[in-house]
C-alpha atoms as a PDB file:
ATOM      1  CA  MET A   1       0.054   0.159  -0.132  1.00  0.00           C
ATOM      2  CA  SER A   2       1.384   3.218  -0.970  1.00  0.00           C
ATOM      3  CA  PRO A   3       2.056   6.310   1.640  1.00  0.00           C
ATOM      4  CA  ILE A   4      -0.674   8.531  -0.234  1.00  0.00           C
ATOM      5  CA  THR A   5      -3.253   5.166  -0.015  1.00  0.00           C
ATOM      6  CA  ARG A   6      -2.401   4.883   3.771  1.00  0.00           C
ATOM      7  CA  ARG A   7      -2.980   8.913   4.376  1.00  0.00           C
ATOM      8  CA  ARG A   8      -6.343   8.707   2.748  1.00  0.00           C
ATOM      9  CA  LEU A   9      -7.372   5.979   4.775  1.00  0.00           C
ATOM     10  CA  ALA A  10      -6.116   7.430   7.713  1.00  0.00           C
ATOM     11  CA  ASN A  11      -8.061  10.887   7.004  1.00  0.00           C
ATOM     12  CA  PHE A  12     -11.271   8.617   6.213  1.00  0.00           C
ATOM     13  CA  ARG A  13     -10.998   6.932   9.532  1.00  0.00           C
ATOM     14  CA  ALA A  14     -10.556  10.146  11.212  1.00  0.00           C
ATOM     15  CA  ASN A  15     -13.852  11.138  10.113  1.00  0.00           C
ATOM     16  CA  ARG A  16     -15.621   9.394  12.749  1.00  0.00           C
ATOM     17  CA  ARG A  17     -19.186  10.710  11.567  1.00  0.00           C
ATOM     18  CA  GLY A  18     -18.401   9.218   8.268  1.00  0.00           C
ATOM     19  CA  TRP A  19     -16.485   5.994   9.577  1.00  0.00           C
ATOM     20  CA  TRP A  20     -19.355   4.831  11.511  1.00  0.00           C
ATOM     21  CA  SER A  21     -21.835   5.827   8.577  1.00  0.00           C
ATOM     22  CA  MET A  22     -20.301   3.631   6.120  1.00  0.00           C
ATOM     23  CA  TRP A  23     -20.434  -0.040   8.471  1.00  0.00           C
ATOM     24  CA  ILE A  24     -24.035   1.240   9.373  1.00  0.00           C
ATOM     25  CA  PHE A  25     -24.918   1.511   5.536  1.00  0.00           C
ATOM     26  CA  LEU A  26     -23.453  -1.358   4.864  1.00  0.00           C
ATOM     27  CA  ALA A  27     -24.694  -3.401   7.711  1.00  0.00           C
ATOM     28  CA  LEU A  28     -27.972  -2.256   6.530  1.00  0.00           C
ATOM     29  CA  PHE A  29     -27.665  -3.138   2.843  1.00  0.00           C
ATOM     30  CA  LEU A  30     -26.663  -6.578   3.459  1.00  0.00           C
ATOM     31  CA  VAL A  31     -29.310  -7.026   5.402  1.00  0.00           C
ATOM     32  CA  THR A  32     -31.783  -5.857   2.706  1.00  0.00           C
ATOM     33  CA  LEU A  33     -29.471  -7.947   0.172  1.00  0.00           C
ATOM     34  CA  VAL A  34     -31.037 -11.018   1.712  1.00  0.00           C
ATOM     35  CA  ALA A  35     -34.615  -9.852   2.285  1.00  0.00           C
ATOM     36  CA  GLU A  36     -36.300 -12.861   1.472  1.00  0.00           C
ATOM     37  CA  LEU A  37     -34.345 -14.483   4.513  1.00  0.00           C
ATOM     38  CA  VAL A  38     -35.256 -11.992   6.484  1.00  0.00           C
ATOM     39  CA  ALA A  39     -39.230 -10.630   5.385  1.00  0.00           C
ATOM     40  CA  ASN A  40     -41.160 -13.510   3.875  1.00  0.00           C
ATOM     41  CA  ASP A  41     -44.308 -15.103   4.093  1.00  0.00           C
ATOM     42  CA  GLN A  42     -42.743 -18.330   3.031  1.00  0.00           C
ATOM     43  CA  PRO A  43     -41.276 -20.560   5.893  1.00  0.00           C
ATOM     44  CA  LEU A  44     -37.336 -20.626   5.393  1.00  0.00           C
ATOM     45  CA  LEU A  45     -36.963 -24.627   6.282  1.00  0.00           C
ATOM     46  CA  ALA A  46     -39.790 -27.289   7.314  1.00  0.00           C
ATOM     47  CA  LYS A  47     -39.279 -30.976   7.956  1.00  0.00           C
ATOM     48  CA  VAL A  48     -42.676 -33.455   7.496  1.00  0.00           C
ATOM     49  CA  GLU A  49     -42.527 -36.798   8.638  1.00  0.00           C
ATOM     50  CA  GLY A  50     -38.546 -36.983   7.654  1.00  0.00           C
ATOM     51  CA  ARG A  51     -38.545 -35.366   4.906  1.00  0.00           C
ATOM     52  CA  TRP A  52     -37.072 -31.370   4.439  1.00  0.00           C
ATOM     53  CA  TYR A  53     -38.442 -28.726   2.461  1.00  0.00           C
ATOM     54  CA  VAL A  54     -37.130 -25.371   1.318  1.00  0.00           C
ATOM     55  CA  PRO A  55     -40.239 -23.276   1.046  1.00  0.00           C
ATOM     56  CA  VAL A  56     -38.549 -19.807   0.903  1.00  0.00           C
ATOM     57  CA  ALA A  57     -36.413 -21.370  -2.639  1.00  0.00           C
ATOM     58  CA  VAL A  58     -39.009 -23.780  -3.753  1.00  0.00           C
ATOM     59  CA  GLU A  59     -42.822 -23.962  -4.095  1.00  0.00           C
ATOM     60  CA  TYR A  60     -44.499 -27.229  -2.998  1.00  0.00           C
ATOM     61  CA  ALA A  61     -47.700 -28.766  -4.071  1.00  0.00           C
ATOM     62  CA  GLU A  62     -49.722 -28.994  -0.642  1.00  0.00           C
ATOM     63  CA  SER A  63     -50.215 -33.183  -1.545  1.00  0.00           C
ATOM     64  CA  ASP A  64     -46.121 -33.020  -1.848  1.00  0.00           C
ATOM     65  CA  ILE A  65     -46.207 -32.077   2.256  1.00  0.00           C
ATOM     66  CA  ILE A  66     -49.459 -34.095   3.227  1.00  0.00           C
ATOM     67  CA  PRO A  67     -50.678 -36.966   1.614  1.00  0.00           C
ATOM     68  CA  ASP A  68     -54.193 -35.772   0.830  1.00  0.00           C
ATOM     69  CA  GLY A  69     -53.671 -32.338   0.582  1.00  0.00           C
ATOM     70  CA  PHE A  70     -54.682 -30.530  -2.716  1.00  0.00           C
ATOM     71  CA  PRO A  71     -52.432 -30.536  -5.297  1.00  0.00           C
ATOM     72  CA  THR A  72     -52.164 -26.530  -5.895  1.00  0.00           C
ATOM     73  CA  ALA A  73     -49.347 -24.766  -4.431  1.00  0.00           C
ATOM     74  CA  ALA A  74     -48.994 -25.341  -0.525  1.00  0.00           C
ATOM     75  CA  VAL A  75     -50.096 -21.905   1.318  1.00  0.00           C
ATOM     76  CA  TRP A  76     -47.797 -22.044   4.750  1.00  0.00           C
ATOM     77  CA  ARG A  77     -49.800 -19.257   6.410  1.00  0.00           C
ATOM     78  CA  ASP A  78     -53.092 -21.534   6.360  1.00  0.00           C
ATOM     79  CA  PRO A  79     -53.845 -23.006  10.035  1.00  0.00           C
ATOM     80  CA  ALA A  80     -55.316 -25.847   9.010  1.00  0.00           C
ATOM     81  CA  LEU A  81     -52.049 -26.814   6.892  1.00  0.00           C
ATOM     82  CA  LEU A  82     -49.770 -25.888  10.342  1.00  0.00           C
ATOM     83  CA  GLU A  83     -52.147 -28.043  12.409  1.00  0.00           C
ATOM     84  CA  GLU A  84     -51.733 -30.891   9.956  1.00  0.00           C
ATOM     85  CA  ILE A  85     -47.650 -30.715   9.857  1.00  0.00           C
ATOM     86  CA  GLN A  86     -47.664 -30.375  13.468  1.00  0.00           C
ATOM     87  CA  ALA A  87     -49.916 -33.503  14.123  1.00  0.00           C
ATOM     88  CA  LYS A  88     -47.422 -35.327  11.681  1.00  0.00           C
ATOM     89  CA  GLY A  89     -44.219 -34.246  13.979  1.00  0.00           C
ATOM     90  CA  GLY A  90     -43.025 -31.655  12.083  1.00  0.00           C
ATOM     91  CA  TRP A  91     -41.984 -28.497  12.542  1.00  0.00           C
ATOM     92  CA  VAL A  92     -41.802 -24.862  10.254  1.00  0.00           C
ATOM     93  CA  VAL A  93     -38.573 -22.410  10.696  1.00  0.00           C
ATOM     94  CA  TRP A  94     -40.328 -18.998  10.057  1.00  0.00           C
ATOM     95  CA  PRO A  95     -38.310 -15.780   9.008  1.00  0.00           C
ATOM     96  CA  PRO A  96     -37.954 -12.695  12.166  1.00  0.00           C
ATOM     97  CA  LEU A  97     -40.597 -11.219   9.756  1.00  0.00           C
ATOM     98  CA  PRO A  98     -43.541 -13.678   8.521  1.00  0.00           C
ATOM     99  CA  PHE A  99     -44.354 -11.269   5.396  1.00  0.00           C
ATOM    100  CA  ARG A 100     -43.311 -10.178   1.800  1.00  0.00           C
ATOM    101  CA  TYR A 101     -43.722  -6.976   0.913  1.00  0.00           C
ATOM    102  CA  ASP A 102     -47.049  -7.642  -0.793  1.00  0.00           C
ATOM    103  CA  THR A 103     -48.531 -10.118   1.770  1.00  0.00           C
ATOM    104  CA  ILE A 104     -52.125  -8.921   2.380  1.00  0.00           C
ATOM    105  CA  ILE A 105     -52.441  -9.718   6.109  1.00  0.00           C
ATOM    106  CA  LYS A 106     -56.557 -10.685   6.778  1.00  0.00           C
ATOM    107  CA  ASP A 107     -56.418 -11.007  10.328  1.00  0.00           C
ATOM    108  CA  LEU A 108     -55.331  -7.855  11.941  1.00  0.00           C
ATOM    109  CA  GLY A 109     -58.245  -7.806  13.777  1.00  0.00           C
ATOM    110  CA  ARG A 110     -59.152  -4.005  13.464  1.00  0.00           C
ATOM    111  CA  PRO A 111     -59.377  -1.701   9.992  1.00  0.00           C
ATOM    112  CA  SER A 112     -56.439  -0.789   8.119  1.00  0.00           C
ATOM    113  CA  PRO A 113     -54.011   1.316   7.904  1.00  0.00           C
ATOM    114  CA  ALA A 114     -53.010  -0.690  11.636  1.00  0.00           C
ATOM    115  CA  PRO A 115     -50.870   0.728  14.125  1.00  0.00           C
ATOM    116  CA  PRO A 116     -47.788  -0.594  15.357  1.00  0.00           C
ATOM    117  CA  SER A 117     -47.714  -3.717  17.247  1.00  0.00           C
ATOM    118  CA  TRP A 118     -45.341  -6.588  18.113  1.00  0.00           C
ATOM    119  CA  ARG A 119     -46.570  -8.104  15.136  1.00  0.00           C
ATOM    120  CA  ASN A 120     -46.299  -5.061  12.399  1.00  0.00           C
ATOM    121  CA  PRO A 121     -43.212  -3.135  14.089  1.00  0.00           C
ATOM    122  CA  LEU A 122     -43.877  -0.261  11.938  1.00  0.00           C
ATOM    123  CA  GLY A 123     -47.798  -0.854  11.515  1.00  0.00           C
ATOM    124  CA  THR A 124     -49.866  -1.801   8.283  1.00  0.00           C
ATOM    125  CA  ASP A 125     -50.829   0.264   5.546  1.00  0.00           C
ATOM    126  CA  ASP A 126     -54.099   1.243   3.987  1.00  0.00           C
ATOM    127  CA  GLN A 127     -54.163  -2.498   2.326  1.00  0.00           C
ATOM    128  CA  SER A 128     -53.114  -4.122   5.102  1.00  0.00           C
ATOM    129  CA  ARG A 129     -49.246  -4.557   3.701  1.00  0.00           C
ATOM    130  CA  ASP A 130     -46.738  -4.820   6.732  1.00  0.00           C
ATOM    131  CA  VAL A 131     -44.646  -1.873   6.355  1.00  0.00           C
ATOM    132  CA  LEU A 132     -41.443  -2.942   7.718  1.00  0.00           C
ATOM    133  CA  ALA A 133     -41.397  -5.587   5.139  1.00  0.00           C
ATOM    134  CA  ARG A 134     -41.663  -2.958   2.717  1.00  0.00           C
ATOM    135  CA  VAL A 135     -39.563  -0.754   3.791  1.00  0.00           C
ATOM    136  CA  ILE A 136     -36.732  -3.405   3.549  1.00  0.00           C
ATOM    137  CA  TYR A 137     -37.370  -4.774   0.629  1.00  0.00           C
ATOM    138  CA  GLY A 138     -37.965  -0.773  -0.861  1.00  0.00           C
ATOM    139  CA  PHE A 139     -35.112   0.158   0.665  1.00  0.00           C
ATOM    140  CA  ARG A 140     -33.023  -2.576  -1.257  1.00  0.00           C
ATOM    141  CA  ILE A 141     -34.535  -1.686  -4.461  1.00  0.00           C
ATOM    142  CA  SER A 142     -33.570   1.836  -3.892  1.00  0.00           C
ATOM    143  CA  VAL A 143     -30.026   1.613  -2.977  1.00  0.00           C
ATOM    144  CA  LEU A 144     -29.600  -0.737  -5.822  1.00  0.00           C
ATOM    145  CA  PHE A 145     -31.417   1.542  -8.306  1.00  0.00           C
ATOM    146  CA  GLY A 146     -28.784   4.428  -6.778  1.00  0.00           C
ATOM    147  CA  PHE A 147     -25.511   2.202  -7.378  1.00  0.00           C
ATOM    148  CA  ALA A 148     -26.736   1.256 -10.867  1.00  0.00           C
ATOM    149  CA  LEU A 149     -27.548   4.567 -12.036  1.00  0.00           C
ATOM    150  CA  THR A 150     -24.823   6.037 -10.338  1.00  0.00           C
ATOM    151  CA  LEU A 151     -21.758   3.660 -12.008  1.00  0.00           C
ATOM    152  CA  THR A 152     -23.379   4.121 -15.057  1.00  0.00           C
ATOM    153  CA  ALA A 153     -23.217   7.899 -15.221  1.00  0.00           C
ATOM    154  CA  SER A 154     -20.154   8.039 -13.953  1.00  0.00           C
ATOM    155  CA  VAL A 155     -18.757   5.955 -16.565  1.00  0.00           C
ATOM    156  CA  ILE A 156     -20.289   7.720 -19.135  1.00  0.00           C
ATOM    157  CA  GLY A 157     -19.702  10.980 -17.741  1.00  0.00           C
ATOM    158  CA  VAL A 158     -15.929  10.381 -17.080  1.00  0.00           C
ATOM    159  CA  ALA A 159     -15.232   9.285 -20.685  1.00  0.00           C
ATOM    160  CA  ALA A 160     -17.251  12.164 -22.006  1.00  0.00           C
ATOM    161  CA  GLY A 161     -15.297  14.767 -20.182  1.00  0.00           C
ATOM    162  CA  ALA A 162     -12.380  13.251 -20.629  1.00  0.00           C
ATOM    163  CA  VAL A 163     -12.908  13.174 -24.457  1.00  0.00           C
ATOM    164  CA  GLN A 164     -13.737  16.762 -24.435  1.00  0.00           C
ATOM    165  CA  GLY A 165     -10.856  17.800 -21.699  1.00  0.00           C
ATOM    166  CA  TYR A 166      -7.978  16.016 -23.979  1.00  0.00           C
ATOM    167  CA  TYR A 167      -8.774  16.883 -27.593  1.00  0.00           C
ATOM    168  CA  GLY A 168     -10.367  20.298 -26.685  1.00  0.00           C
ATOM    169  CA  GLY A 169     -10.892  22.360 -30.082  1.00  0.00           C
ATOM    170  CA  TRP A 170     -13.905  22.162 -31.996  1.00  0.00           C
ATOM    171  CA  ILE A 171     -14.755  18.903 -30.104  1.00  0.00           C
ATOM    172  CA  ASP A 172     -15.165  20.517 -27.053  1.00  0.00           C
ATOM    173  CA  LEU A 173     -17.136  23.082 -28.231  1.00  0.00           C
ATOM    174  CA  VAL A 174     -19.125  20.788 -29.959  1.00  0.00           C
ATOM    175  CA  PHE A 175     -19.796  18.398 -26.555  1.00  0.00           C
ATOM    176  CA  GLN A 176     -20.196  21.591 -24.425  1.00  0.00           C
ATOM    177  CA  ARG A 177     -23.280  23.151 -26.904  1.00  0.00           C
ATOM    178  CA  PHE A 178     -24.748  19.769 -27.153  1.00  0.00           C
ATOM    179  CA  ILE A 179     -24.384  19.548 -22.991  1.00  0.00           C
ATOM    180  CA  GLU A 180     -25.871  22.876 -22.865  1.00  0.00           C
ATOM    181  CA  ILE A 181     -28.867  21.973 -25.022  1.00  0.00           C
ATOM    182  CA  TRP A 182     -29.553  18.478 -23.517  1.00  0.00           C
ATOM    183  CA  SER A 183     -29.436  19.747 -19.861  1.00  0.00           C
ATOM    184  CA  GLY A 184     -32.467  22.021 -20.351  1.00  0.00           C
ATOM    185  CA  MET A 185     -34.478  19.490 -21.956  1.00  0.00           C
ATOM    186  CA  PRO A 186     -37.198  19.240 -19.646  1.00  0.00           C
ATOM    187  CA  GLN A 187     -37.126  15.954 -17.965  1.00  0.00           C
ATOM    188  CA  LEU A 188     -40.491  15.492 -16.124  1.00  0.00           C
ATOM    189  CA  PHE A 189     -42.370  16.353 -19.079  1.00  0.00           C
ATOM    190  CA  LEU A 190     -40.371  13.590 -21.098  1.00  0.00           C
ATOM    191  CA  LEU A 191     -40.974  10.920 -18.494  1.00  0.00           C
ATOM    192  CA  ILE A 192     -44.492  11.727 -18.611  1.00  0.00           C
ATOM    193  CA  ILE A 193     -44.670  11.576 -22.186  1.00  0.00           C
ATOM    194  CA  LEU A 194     -42.860   8.323 -21.661  1.00  0.00           C
ATOM    195  CA  SER A 195     -44.868   6.916 -19.074  1.00  0.00           C
ATOM    196  CA  ALA A 196     -47.824   6.844 -21.659  1.00  0.00           C
ATOM    197  CA  MET A 197     -45.848   4.596 -24.492  1.00  0.00           C
ATOM    198  CA  LEU A 198     -44.016   2.401 -21.714  1.00  0.00           C
ATOM    199  CA  ALA A 199     -44.646   0.725 -19.011  1.00  0.00           C
ATOM    200  CA  PRO A 200     -43.239   2.085 -16.060  1.00  0.00           C
ATOM    201  CA  GLY A 201     -39.886  -0.444 -14.568  1.00  0.00           C
ATOM    202  CA  PHE A 202     -36.927  -0.772 -12.966  1.00  0.00           C
ATOM    203  CA  TRP A 203     -34.966  -0.591 -16.364  1.00  0.00           C
ATOM    204  CA  THR A 204     -36.675   1.903 -17.980  1.00  0.00           C
ATOM    205  CA  LEU A 205     -36.233   4.231 -15.093  1.00  0.00           C
ATOM    206  CA  LEU A 206     -32.743   3.542 -14.961  1.00  0.00           C
ATOM    207  CA  GLY A 207     -32.546   4.010 -18.872  1.00  0.00           C
ATOM    208  CA  PHE A 208     -34.601   7.152 -19.197  1.00  0.00           C
ATOM    209  CA  LEU A 209     -32.642   8.813 -16.163  1.00  0.00           C
ATOM    210  CA  LEU A 210     -29.257   7.556 -17.683  1.00  0.00           C
ATOM    211  CA  LEU A 211     -29.815   9.978 -20.608  1.00  0.00           C
ATOM    212  CA  PHE A 212     -29.827  12.926 -18.186  1.00  0.00           C
ATOM    213  CA  SER A 213     -28.003  11.844 -15.349  1.00  0.00           C
ATOM    214  CA  TRP A 214     -23.920  11.489 -17.053  1.00  0.00           C
ATOM    215  CA  MET A 215     -23.397  15.356 -17.053  1.00  0.00           C
ATOM    216  CA  ALA A 216     -23.098  15.083 -13.359  1.00  0.00           C
ATOM    217  CA  LEU A 217     -19.300  14.137 -13.809  1.00  0.00           C
ATOM    218  CA  THR A 218     -18.428  15.825 -17.315  1.00  0.00           C
ATOM    219  CA  GLY A 219     -17.498  19.095 -16.105  1.00  0.00           C
ATOM    220  CA  VAL A 220     -15.109  18.029 -13.381  1.00  0.00           C
ATOM    221  CA  VAL A 221     -13.336  15.446 -15.136  1.00  0.00           C
ATOM    222  CA  ARG A 222     -13.265  17.850 -18.721  1.00  0.00           C
ATOM    223  CA  ALA A 223     -11.320  20.814 -16.390  1.00  0.00           C
ATOM    224  CA  GLU A 224      -9.024  17.967 -14.699  1.00  0.00           C
ATOM    225  CA  PHE A 225      -8.391  16.963 -18.592  1.00  0.00           C
ATOM    226  CA  LEU A 226      -8.001  20.524 -19.985  1.00  0.00           C
ATOM    227  CA  ARG A 227      -5.319  20.641 -16.895  1.00  0.00           C
ATOM    228  CA  GLY A 228      -3.715  17.757 -17.105  1.00  0.00           C
ATOM    229  CA  ARG A 229      -2.639  17.577 -20.771  1.00  0.00           C
ATOM    230  CA  ASN A 230      -0.391  20.186 -20.223  1.00  0.00           C
ATOM    231  CA  LEU A 231       1.584  18.792 -17.756  1.00  0.00           C
ATOM    232  CA  ASP A 232       5.195  17.990 -18.533  1.00  0.00           C
ATOM    233  CA  TYR A 233       5.158  14.223 -18.076  1.00  0.00           C
ATOM    234  CA  VAL A 234       2.134  14.219 -20.363  1.00  0.00           C
ATOM    235  CA  ARG A 235       3.583  15.966 -22.995  1.00  0.00           C
ATOM    236  CA  ALA A 236       6.425  13.597 -22.651  1.00  0.00           C
ATOM    237  CA  ALA A 237       4.626  10.431 -22.703  1.00  0.00           C
ATOM    238  CA  LYS A 238       3.009  11.990 -26.119  1.00  0.00           C
ATOM    239  CA  ALA A 239       6.540  12.722 -27.377  1.00  0.00           C
ATOM    240  CA  LEU A 240       7.630   8.859 -26.995  1.00  0.00           C
ATOM    241  CA  GLY A 241       4.742   8.027 -29.218  1.00  0.00           C
ATOM    242  CA  VAL A 242       2.315   6.602 -26.193  1.00  0.00           C
ATOM    243  CA  SER A 243      -1.528   6.237 -27.610  1.00  0.00           C
ATOM    244  CA  ASP A 244      -4.033   9.058 -26.582  1.00  0.00           C
ATOM    245  CA  ALA A 245      -5.661   6.242 -24.936  1.00  0.00           C
ATOM    246  CA  SER A 246      -3.050   4.981 -22.538  1.00  0.00           C
ATOM    247  CA  VAL A 247      -2.212   8.957 -21.881  1.00  0.00           C
ATOM    248  CA  MET A 248      -5.919   9.333 -21.337  1.00  0.00           C
ATOM    249  CA  VAL A 249      -6.445   6.038 -18.795  1.00  0.00           C
ATOM    250  CA  ARG A 250      -2.480   5.950 -17.249  1.00  0.00           C
ATOM    251  CA  HIS A 251      -1.696   9.434 -16.713  1.00  0.00           C
ATOM    252  CA  ILE A 252      -4.426  11.560 -16.524  1.00  0.00           C
ATOM    253  CA  LEU A 253      -7.736   9.974 -15.490  1.00  0.00           C
ATOM    254  CA  PRO A 254      -6.109   8.795 -12.076  1.00  0.00           C
ATOM    255  CA  ASN A 255      -5.449  12.302 -11.323  1.00  0.00           C
ATOM    256  CA  ALA A 256      -9.131  12.651 -12.243  1.00  0.00           C
ATOM    257  CA  MET A 257     -10.913  10.519 -10.281  1.00  0.00           C
ATOM    258  CA  VAL A 258      -9.713  12.015  -7.261  1.00  0.00           C
ATOM    259  CA  ALA A 259     -12.271  14.399  -8.012  1.00  0.00           C
ATOM    260  CA  THR A 260     -14.485  12.591  -9.448  1.00  0.00           C
ATOM    261  CA  LEU A 261     -14.597  10.061  -6.332  1.00  0.00           C
ATOM    262  CA  THR A 262     -15.806  12.563  -3.857  1.00  0.00           C
ATOM    263  CA  PHE A 263     -18.776  13.091  -5.838  1.00  0.00           C
ATOM    264  CA  LEU A 264     -19.799   9.964  -5.894  1.00  0.00           C
ATOM    265  CA  PRO A 265     -21.546   9.397  -2.569  1.00  0.00           C
ATOM    266  CA  PHE A 266     -23.539  12.651  -3.258  1.00  0.00           C
ATOM    267  CA  LEU A 267     -24.849  11.446  -6.625  1.00  0.00           C
ATOM    268  CA  LEU A 268     -25.778   8.276  -4.793  1.00  0.00           C
ATOM    269  CA  SER A 269     -28.053   9.847  -2.397  1.00  0.00           C
ATOM    270  CA  GLY A 270     -29.357  12.199  -5.404  1.00  0.00           C
ATOM    271  CA  SER A 271     -30.073   8.754  -7.214  1.00  0.00           C
ATOM    272  CA  VAL A 272     -32.206   7.397  -4.486  1.00  0.00           C
ATOM    273  CA  THR A 273     -33.941  10.393  -4.113  1.00  0.00           C
ATOM    274  CA  VAL A 274     -34.965  10.714  -7.410  1.00  0.00           C
ATOM    275  CA  LEU A 275     -36.127   7.086  -7.745  1.00  0.00           C
ATOM    276  CA  ALA A 276     -38.508   8.304  -4.581  1.00  0.00           C
ATOM    277  CA  SER A 277     -39.592  11.237  -6.140  1.00  0.00           C
ATOM    278  CA  LEU A 278     -40.631   9.525  -9.051  1.00  0.00           C
ATOM    279  CA  ASP A 279     -42.579   6.706  -7.143  1.00  0.00           C
ATOM    280  CA  PHE A 280     -44.289   9.702  -5.095  1.00  0.00           C
ATOM    281  CA  LEU A 281     -45.591  11.415  -8.209  1.00  0.00           C
ATOM    282  CA  GLY A 282     -46.346   8.110  -9.679  1.00  0.00           C
ATOM    283  CA  PHE A 283     -44.251   7.835 -12.534  1.00  0.00           C
ATOM    284  CA  GLY A 284     -41.834   5.246 -10.707  1.00  0.00           C
ATOM    285  CA  LEU A 285     -41.720   1.696 -10.670  1.00  0.00           C
ATOM    286  CA  PRO A 286     -44.900  -0.033 -11.295  1.00  0.00           C
ATOM    287  CA  PRO A 287     -47.983  -0.067  -8.789  1.00  0.00           C
ATOM    288  CA  GLY A 288     -47.252  -2.382  -5.736  1.00  0.00           C
ATOM    289  CA  SER A 289     -43.653  -2.445  -5.684  1.00  0.00           C
ATOM    290  CA  PRO A 290     -42.001  -1.966  -2.586  1.00  0.00           C
ATOM    291  CA  SER A 291     -40.712   1.410  -2.602  1.00  0.00           C
ATOM    292  CA  LEU A 292     -39.579   4.553  -0.465  1.00  0.00           C
ATOM    293  CA  GLY A 293     -41.754   6.710  -2.512  1.00  0.00           C
ATOM    294  CA  GLU A 294     -45.208   4.962  -2.524  1.00  0.00           C
ATOM    295  CA  LEU A 295     -44.235   4.658   1.466  1.00  0.00           C
ATOM    296  CA  VAL A 296     -44.321   9.126   1.105  1.00  0.00           C
ATOM    297  CA  THR A 297     -47.436   8.616  -0.683  1.00  0.00           C
ATOM    298  CA  GLN A 298     -49.241   6.456   1.860  1.00  0.00           C
ATOM    299  CA  GLY A 299     -48.296   9.046   4.555  1.00  0.00           C
ATOM    300  CA  LYS A 300     -49.716  12.043   2.992  1.00  0.00           C
ATOM    301  CA  ASN A 301     -53.025   9.939   1.910  1.00  0.00           C
ATOM    302  CA  ASN A 302     -53.528   8.806   5.948  1.00  0.00           C
ATOM    303  CA  LEU A 303     -52.781  11.482   7.455  1.00  0.00           C
ATOM    304  CA  GLN A 304     -54.595   9.817  10.436  1.00  0.00           C
ATOM    305  CA  ALA A 305     -51.987   6.908  10.508  1.00  0.00           C
ATOM    306  CA  PRO A 306     -48.718   9.392  11.673  1.00  0.00           C
ATOM    307  CA  TRP A 307     -46.831   6.237  11.527  1.00  0.00           C
ATOM    308  CA  LEU A 308     -46.613   6.105   7.583  1.00  0.00           C
ATOM    309  CA  GLY A 309     -45.258   9.389   7.279  1.00  0.00           C
ATOM    310  CA  PHE A 310     -42.634   8.801  10.348  1.00  0.00           C
ATOM    311  CA  SER A 311     -41.522   5.724   9.109  1.00  0.00           C
ATOM    312  CA  ALA A 312     -41.203   6.921   5.285  1.00  0.00           C
ATOM    313  CA  PHE A 313     -39.214  10.039   6.842  1.00  0.00           C
ATOM    314  CA  PHE A 314     -36.639   8.487   9.048  1.00  0.00           C
ATOM    315  CA  VAL A 315     -35.978   5.490   6.595  1.00  0.00           C
ATOM    316  CA  LEU A 316     -35.539   8.355   3.624  1.00  0.00           C
ATOM    317  CA  GLY A 317     -33.646  10.989   5.837  1.00  0.00           C
ATOM    318  CA  GLY A 318     -31.459   8.121   7.934  1.00  0.00           C
ATOM    319  CA  VAL A 319     -30.122   6.893   4.161  1.00  0.00           C
ATOM    320  CA  LEU A 320     -29.508  10.194   2.805  1.00  0.00           C
ATOM    321  CA  THR A 321     -27.957  11.355   6.184  1.00  0.00           C
ATOM    322  CA  LEU A 322     -25.611   8.174   6.266  1.00  0.00           C
ATOM    323  CA  LEU A 323     -24.757   8.549   2.235  1.00  0.00           C
ATOM    324  CA  ILE A 324     -23.911  12.538   2.794  1.00  0.00           C
ATOM    325  CA  PHE A 325     -21.851  11.801   5.582  1.00  0.00           C
ATOM    326  CA  VAL A 326     -19.987   9.056   4.004  1.00  0.00           C
ATOM    327  CA  GLY A 327     -19.154  11.677   0.921  1.00  0.00           C
ATOM    328  CA  GLU A 328     -17.903  14.065   3.368  1.00  0.00           C
ATOM    329  CA  ALA A 329     -15.381  11.546   4.744  1.00  0.00           C
ATOM    330  CA  VAL A 330     -14.862  10.145   1.396  1.00  0.00           C
ATOM    331  CA  ARG A 331     -13.982  14.093   0.559  1.00  0.00           C
ATOM    332  CA  ASP A 332     -11.649  14.636   3.486  1.00  0.00           C
ATOM    333  CA  ALA A 333      -9.632  11.279   2.154  1.00  0.00           C
ATOM    334  CA  PHE A 334      -9.124  12.879  -0.733  1.00  0.00           C
ATOM    335  CA  ASP A 335      -8.138  16.551   0.317  1.00  0.00           C
ATOM    336  CA  PRO A 336      -4.597  16.764  -0.299  1.00  0.00           C
ATOM    337  CA  ARG A 337      -4.713  19.553   2.424  1.00  0.00           C
ATOM    338  CA  LYS A 338      -5.433  16.849   4.950  1.00  0.00           C
ATOM    339  CA  LEU A 339      -2.783  16.096   7.551  1.00  0.00           C
ATOM    340  CA  PRO A 340      -3.274  12.260   8.897  1.00  0.00           C
ATOM    341  CA  GLY A 341      -5.333  12.117  11.483  1.00  0.00           C
ATOM    342  CA  GLY A 342      -7.579  14.804  10.425  1.00  0.00           C
ATOM    343  CA  GLY A 343      -5.632  17.956  10.545  1.00  0.00           C
ATOM    344  CA  ALA A 344      -5.042  20.518   7.982  1.00  0.00           C
END
């Protein structure tokens, strides 16, 4: 590990707020990655008459479990089926939260939305679905969407900015005029038109937002390449016959990435926010999908159920706060004026 890398790691760890925010965010993300094992209306494991079943991964017919059962898919939450299993000396292991994001809870005993309880820690929404389960699945979708949009847009934006800054001249001029025109396009209106022609979905939204998100880093990378192409070691490499692609990737890009990396956590938080905003407006994921934006809509439409609004506020606010704190720590890590240990 080089001395500069050790200095950056020391500066990152010196920002205790960002350091612990990173671990908290990673822990939450890893838990939601295996959401099916945490919140599911199918058992994790079952054993009946010496036979093992993994309902969380395999769909079984009721006749596969008990001989006189129906040949249709087994409903493991059916009290009659569970009593039959127990009568045969079997047992069932449920996830910590025995509900999926789309599970309709029919035995609440009160009108929906129901307030928080031991069974439903964050209550239920107006369709009798567990809010905590929807938060777990919605968190995963939002973060994965944010990662996909941020990484893809960053690759395209860095490549575009590198070409602009390295070659300059008419290439830079044409690119700049195109970016000025393209960035002025009304994104929301275009999305409304697109939603009228295509069914909204994860990949549809990702592709549409990617058309505009790649410009976020272009200006930063372009400025770094405009400065770096005139440095002595770059001119020397070009004089020795090194190809333009090699000069860009090996000699200028590492320096340009220092400024780029400091923006990535903030871009990620923006990507999570834009998906939640589109879901809130009704132009996001398909209806019924677990979404943090849809939870905000639930809170707005059910003011008599404040737990819905509070859940949406604290989840979205918590995620964005963690990402911002991580971004501040990354900024400190790559700040050349920062001494190891956090000094200036």
